[in-house]
Amino acid sequence: MQTVDSETVEEGICKAIRSVKPSLASLPMSSDTRFDSLGLESIERILVVFEIEEAFEVSIVDQQLDTFRSVGEARDLVLKLVGARQPQ
């Protein structure tokens, strides 16, 4: 497992998006990039979530799938999930 910080997670999410939809490879993405602006089909969005789950060893349950609309919101969710599994 790699070090998980905000920048690493954001880069991982962008990588997941580009992996699922290679036509977006040259599109600049940031924390403000909205998923609805990327033209992702619903199945592609689910595949992106699978990629994120695998990359960061987290589980994004169905109700959380609709809680993020941007790369930044997805990053914050992943950081929260990673933090929740860390020993206190």
N, C-alpha and C. Protein backbone atom coordinates (compact mmCIF):
# COMPACT_ATOMS: atom_id res chain seq x y z
N MET A 1 0.85 -1.19 0.00
CA MET A 1 0.00 0.00 0.00
C MET A 1 0.89 1.24 0.00
N GLN A 2 0.59 2.16 -0.89
CA GLN A 2 1.36 3.38 -0.99
C GLN A 2 0.96 4.38 0.09
N THR A 3 1.81 5.38 0.29
CA THR A 3 1.47 6.45 1.22
C THR A 3 0.22 7.16 0.69
N VAL A 4 -0.72 7.40 1.59
CA VAL A 4 -1.97 8.01 1.17
C VAL A 4 -2.05 9.43 1.72
N ASP A 5 -1.90 10.38 0.81
CA ASP A 5 -2.11 11.78 1.16
C ASP A 5 -3.02 12.37 0.09
N SER A 6 -3.40 13.59 0.27
CA SER A 6 -4.37 14.23 -0.61
C SER A 6 -3.94 14.20 -2.07
N GLU A 7 -2.68 14.55 -2.31
CA GLU A 7 -2.18 14.59 -3.69
C GLU A 7 -2.15 13.20 -4.33
N THR A 8 -1.70 12.22 -3.56
CA THR A 8 -1.63 10.84 -4.06
C THR A 8 -3.01 10.32 -4.42
N VAL A 9 -3.98 10.60 -3.56
CA VAL A 9 -5.35 10.14 -3.82
C VAL A 9 -5.92 10.83 -5.04
N GLU A 10 -5.73 12.14 -5.15
CA GLU A 10 -6.25 12.87 -6.30
C GLU A 10 -5.64 12.34 -7.60
N GLU A 11 -4.34 12.11 -7.60
CA GLU A 11 -3.68 11.55 -8.79
C GLU A 11 -4.22 10.16 -9.11
N GLY A 12 -4.46 9.36 -8.07
CA GLY A 12 -4.99 8.02 -8.27
C GLY A 12 -6.39 8.04 -8.86
N ILE A 13 -7.21 8.98 -8.44
CA ILE A 13 -8.56 9.11 -8.98
C ILE A 13 -8.51 9.51 -10.46
N CYS A 14 -7.66 10.47 -10.78
CA CYS A 14 -7.51 10.89 -12.17
C CYS A 14 -7.00 9.73 -13.03
N LYS A 15 -6.07 8.96 -12.48
CA LYS A 15 -5.56 7.78 -13.19
C LYS A 15 -6.67 6.76 -13.43
N ALA A 16 -7.53 6.56 -12.44
CA ALA A 16 -8.65 5.63 -12.57
C ALA A 16 -9.60 6.09 -13.67
N ILE A 17 -9.88 7.38 -13.70
CA ILE A 17 -10.77 7.92 -14.74
C ILE A 17 -10.17 7.69 -16.12
N ARG A 18 -8.89 7.98 -16.25
CA ARG A 18 -8.23 7.81 -17.56
C ARG A 18 -8.10 6.34 -17.95
N SER A 19 -7.99 5.48 -16.98
CA SER A 19 -7.92 4.04 -17.24
C SER A 19 -9.25 3.53 -17.81
N VAL A 20 -10.33 4.02 -17.24
CA VAL A 20 -11.66 3.60 -17.68
C VAL A 20 -12.04 4.25 -19.01
N LYS A 21 -11.65 5.52 -19.18
CA LYS A 21 -12.00 6.24 -20.39
C LYS A 21 -10.73 6.89 -20.98
N PRO A 22 -9.97 6.09 -21.74
CA PRO A 22 -8.69 6.57 -22.27
C PRO A 22 -8.79 7.84 -23.12
N SER A 23 -9.94 8.13 -23.67
CA SER A 23 -10.08 9.34 -24.48
C SER A 23 -9.90 10.61 -23.65
N LEU A 24 -9.90 10.47 -22.33
CA LEU A 24 -9.71 11.62 -21.44
C LEU A 24 -8.25 11.80 -21.03
N ALA A 25 -7.36 11.00 -21.61
CA ALA A 25 -5.95 10.99 -21.20
C ALA A 25 -5.29 12.37 -21.26
N SER A 26 -5.63 13.17 -22.25
CA SER A 26 -4.98 14.47 -22.40
C SER A 26 -5.75 15.61 -21.71
N LEU A 27 -6.89 15.29 -21.12
CA LEU A 27 -7.70 16.32 -20.45
C LEU A 27 -7.11 16.65 -19.09
N PRO A 28 -6.80 17.92 -18.85
CA PRO A 28 -6.32 18.30 -17.52
C PRO A 28 -7.44 18.10 -16.49
N MET A 29 -7.09 17.53 -15.36
CA MET A 29 -8.07 17.33 -14.29
C MET A 29 -7.51 17.89 -13.00
N SER A 30 -8.43 18.37 -12.17
CA SER A 30 -8.05 18.89 -10.85
C SER A 30 -9.13 18.50 -9.86
N SER A 31 -8.99 18.94 -8.63
CA SER A 31 -9.99 18.62 -7.62
C SER A 31 -11.35 19.21 -7.97
N ASP A 32 -11.37 20.25 -8.79
CA ASP A 32 -12.64 20.87 -9.20
C ASP A 32 -13.31 20.18 -10.37
N THR A 33 -12.63 19.23 -11.01
CA THR A 33 -13.21 18.54 -12.16
C THR A 33 -14.43 17.74 -11.73
N ARG A 34 -15.55 18.05 -12.36
CA ARG A 34 -16.81 17.37 -12.02
C ARG A 34 -16.99 16.14 -12.90
N PHE A 35 -17.45 15.06 -12.28
CA PHE A 35 -17.66 13.82 -13.02
C PHE A 35 -18.66 14.01 -14.15
N ASP A 36 -19.69 14.83 -13.93
CA ASP A 36 -20.69 15.02 -14.99
C ASP A 36 -20.14 15.79 -16.19
N SER A 37 -19.02 16.48 -16.01
CA SER A 37 -18.40 17.20 -17.13
C SER A 37 -17.51 16.30 -17.98
N LEU A 38 -17.27 15.08 -17.51
CA LEU A 38 -16.35 14.16 -18.20
C LEU A 38 -17.05 13.28 -19.23
N GLY A 39 -18.37 13.31 -19.24
CA GLY A 39 -19.10 12.49 -20.19
C GLY A 39 -19.04 11.00 -19.88
N LEU A 40 -18.90 10.67 -18.62
CA LEU A 40 -18.85 9.26 -18.22
C LEU A 40 -20.25 8.67 -18.21
N GLU A 41 -20.41 7.53 -18.84
CA GLU A 41 -21.66 6.77 -18.74
C GLU A 41 -21.75 6.24 -17.31
N SER A 42 -22.94 5.86 -16.87
CA SER A 42 -23.09 5.36 -15.50
C SER A 42 -22.23 4.13 -15.24
N ILE A 43 -22.13 3.24 -16.21
CA ILE A 43 -21.30 2.04 -16.03
C ILE A 43 -19.82 2.43 -15.93
N GLU A 44 -19.41 3.46 -16.66
CA GLU A 44 -18.02 3.92 -16.57
C GLU A 44 -17.73 4.51 -15.20
N ARG A 45 -18.70 5.22 -14.66
CA ARG A 45 -18.52 5.79 -13.32
C ARG A 45 -18.37 4.67 -12.29
N ILE A 46 -19.14 3.62 -12.44
CA ILE A 46 -19.02 2.47 -11.53
C ILE A 46 -17.65 1.82 -11.68
N LEU A 47 -17.17 1.71 -12.91
CA LEU A 47 -15.84 1.14 -13.14
C LEU A 47 -14.75 2.01 -12.52
N VAL A 48 -14.93 3.33 -12.58
CA VAL A 48 -13.98 4.23 -11.94
C VAL A 48 -13.95 3.96 -10.44
N VAL A 49 -15.12 3.79 -9.84
CA VAL A 49 -15.20 3.50 -8.41
C VAL A 49 -14.48 2.20 -8.09
N PHE A 50 -14.67 1.16 -8.92
CA PHE A 50 -13.95 -0.10 -8.71
C PHE A 50 -12.45 0.11 -8.75
N GLU A 51 -11.99 0.91 -9.71
CA GLU A 51 -10.55 1.21 -9.83
C GLU A 51 -10.05 1.92 -8.57
N ILE A 52 -10.82 2.87 -8.08
CA ILE A 52 -10.44 3.61 -6.87
C ILE A 52 -10.39 2.67 -5.67
N GLU A 53 -11.41 1.82 -5.55
CA GLU A 53 -11.44 0.87 -4.43
C GLU A 53 -10.21 -0.03 -4.44
N GLU A 54 -9.86 -0.52 -5.60
CA GLU A 54 -8.70 -1.40 -5.72
C GLU A 54 -7.40 -0.66 -5.41
N ALA A 55 -7.26 0.53 -5.94
CA ALA A 55 -6.02 1.29 -5.76
C ALA A 55 -5.77 1.66 -4.30
N PHE A 56 -6.83 1.97 -3.57
CA PHE A 56 -6.66 2.46 -2.21
C PHE A 56 -7.18 1.50 -1.14
N GLU A 57 -7.57 0.31 -1.56
CA GLU A 57 -8.03 -0.73 -0.64
C GLU A 57 -9.13 -0.21 0.28
N VAL A 58 -10.14 0.40 -0.34
CA VAL A 58 -11.31 0.89 0.39
C VAL A 58 -12.56 0.31 -0.26
N SER A 59 -13.67 0.43 0.44
CA SER A 59 -14.95 -0.01 -0.09
C SER A 59 -15.91 1.17 -0.09
N ILE A 60 -16.32 1.55 -1.28
CA ILE A 60 -17.26 2.65 -1.43
C ILE A 60 -18.63 2.02 -1.65
N VAL A 61 -19.43 2.02 -0.60
CA VAL A 61 -20.73 1.37 -0.67
C VAL A 61 -21.68 2.18 -1.55
N ASP A 62 -22.75 1.53 -1.99
CA ASP A 62 -23.66 2.13 -2.96
C ASP A 62 -24.15 3.53 -2.57
N GLN A 63 -24.51 3.73 -1.32
CA GLN A 63 -25.04 5.04 -0.96
C GLN A 63 -23.97 6.12 -1.02
N GLN A 64 -22.70 5.77 -0.92
CA GLN A 64 -21.63 6.76 -1.02
C GLN A 64 -21.30 7.09 -2.46
N LEU A 65 -21.72 6.25 -3.38
CA LEU A 65 -21.43 6.47 -4.80
C LEU A 65 -22.01 7.80 -5.27
N ASP A 66 -23.13 8.20 -4.74
CA ASP A 66 -23.77 9.45 -5.15
C ASP A 66 -23.36 10.65 -4.31
N THR A 67 -22.46 10.44 -3.35
CA THR A 67 -22.12 11.56 -2.46
C THR A 67 -21.01 12.43 -3.01
N PHE A 68 -20.33 12.00 -4.06
CA PHE A 68 -19.28 12.85 -4.61
C PHE A 68 -19.58 13.19 -6.06
N ARG A 69 -19.35 14.45 -6.40
CA ARG A 69 -19.63 14.94 -7.75
C ARG A 69 -18.36 15.39 -8.46
N SER A 70 -17.27 15.54 -7.70
CA SER A 70 -16.03 16.04 -8.29
C SER A 70 -14.86 15.17 -7.84
N VAL A 71 -13.74 15.36 -8.49
CA VAL A 71 -12.53 14.64 -8.10
C VAL A 71 -12.18 14.98 -6.65
N GLY A 72 -12.33 16.23 -6.26
CA GLY A 72 -12.03 16.64 -4.89
C GLY A 72 -12.93 15.98 -3.86
N GLU A 73 -14.20 15.86 -4.17
CA GLU A 73 -15.13 15.20 -3.25
C GLU A 73 -14.81 13.71 -3.15
N ALA A 74 -14.45 13.08 -4.27
CA ALA A 74 -14.05 11.68 -4.25
C ALA A 74 -12.77 11.50 -3.43
N ARG A 75 -11.82 12.42 -3.62
CA ARG A 75 -10.57 12.39 -2.84
C ARG A 75 -10.86 12.46 -1.35
N ASP A 76 -11.73 13.38 -0.95
CA ASP A 76 -12.06 13.54 0.47
C ASP A 76 -12.71 12.27 1.03
N LEU A 77 -13.57 11.63 0.23
CA LEU A 77 -14.20 10.40 0.67
C LEU A 77 -13.17 9.29 0.86
N VAL A 78 -12.25 9.15 -0.09
CA VAL A 78 -11.21 8.11 0.01
C VAL A 78 -10.34 8.38 1.24
N LEU A 79 -9.95 9.62 1.46
CA LEU A 79 -9.14 9.94 2.63
C LEU A 79 -9.88 9.60 3.92
N LYS A 80 -11.17 9.87 3.96
CA LYS A 80 -11.98 9.54 5.13
C LYS A 80 -12.03 8.03 5.35
N LEU A 81 -12.23 7.28 4.27
CA LEU A 81 -12.31 5.82 4.39
C LEU A 81 -10.97 5.23 4.79
N VAL A 82 -9.89 5.74 4.24
CA VAL A 82 -8.56 5.26 4.61
C VAL A 82 -8.29 5.58 6.08
N GLY A 83 -8.65 6.77 6.49
CA GLY A 83 -8.45 7.17 7.89
C GLY A 83 -9.26 6.32 8.86
N ALA A 84 -10.44 5.91 8.44
CA ALA A 84 -11.33 5.11 9.31
C ALA A 84 -10.78 3.72 9.55
N ARG A 85 -9.96 3.23 8.66
CA ARG A 85 -9.43 1.86 8.86
C ARG A 85 -8.10 1.86 9.58
N GLN A 86 -7.53 3.05 9.82
CA GLN A 86 -6.26 3.15 10.54
C GLN A 86 -6.49 2.87 12.02
N PRO A 87 -5.56 2.14 12.66
CA PRO A 87 -5.70 1.90 14.10
C PRO A 87 -5.60 3.20 14.87
N GLN A 88 -6.39 3.33 15.89
CA GLN A 88 -6.42 4.56 16.69
C GLN A 88 -5.34 4.54 17.73
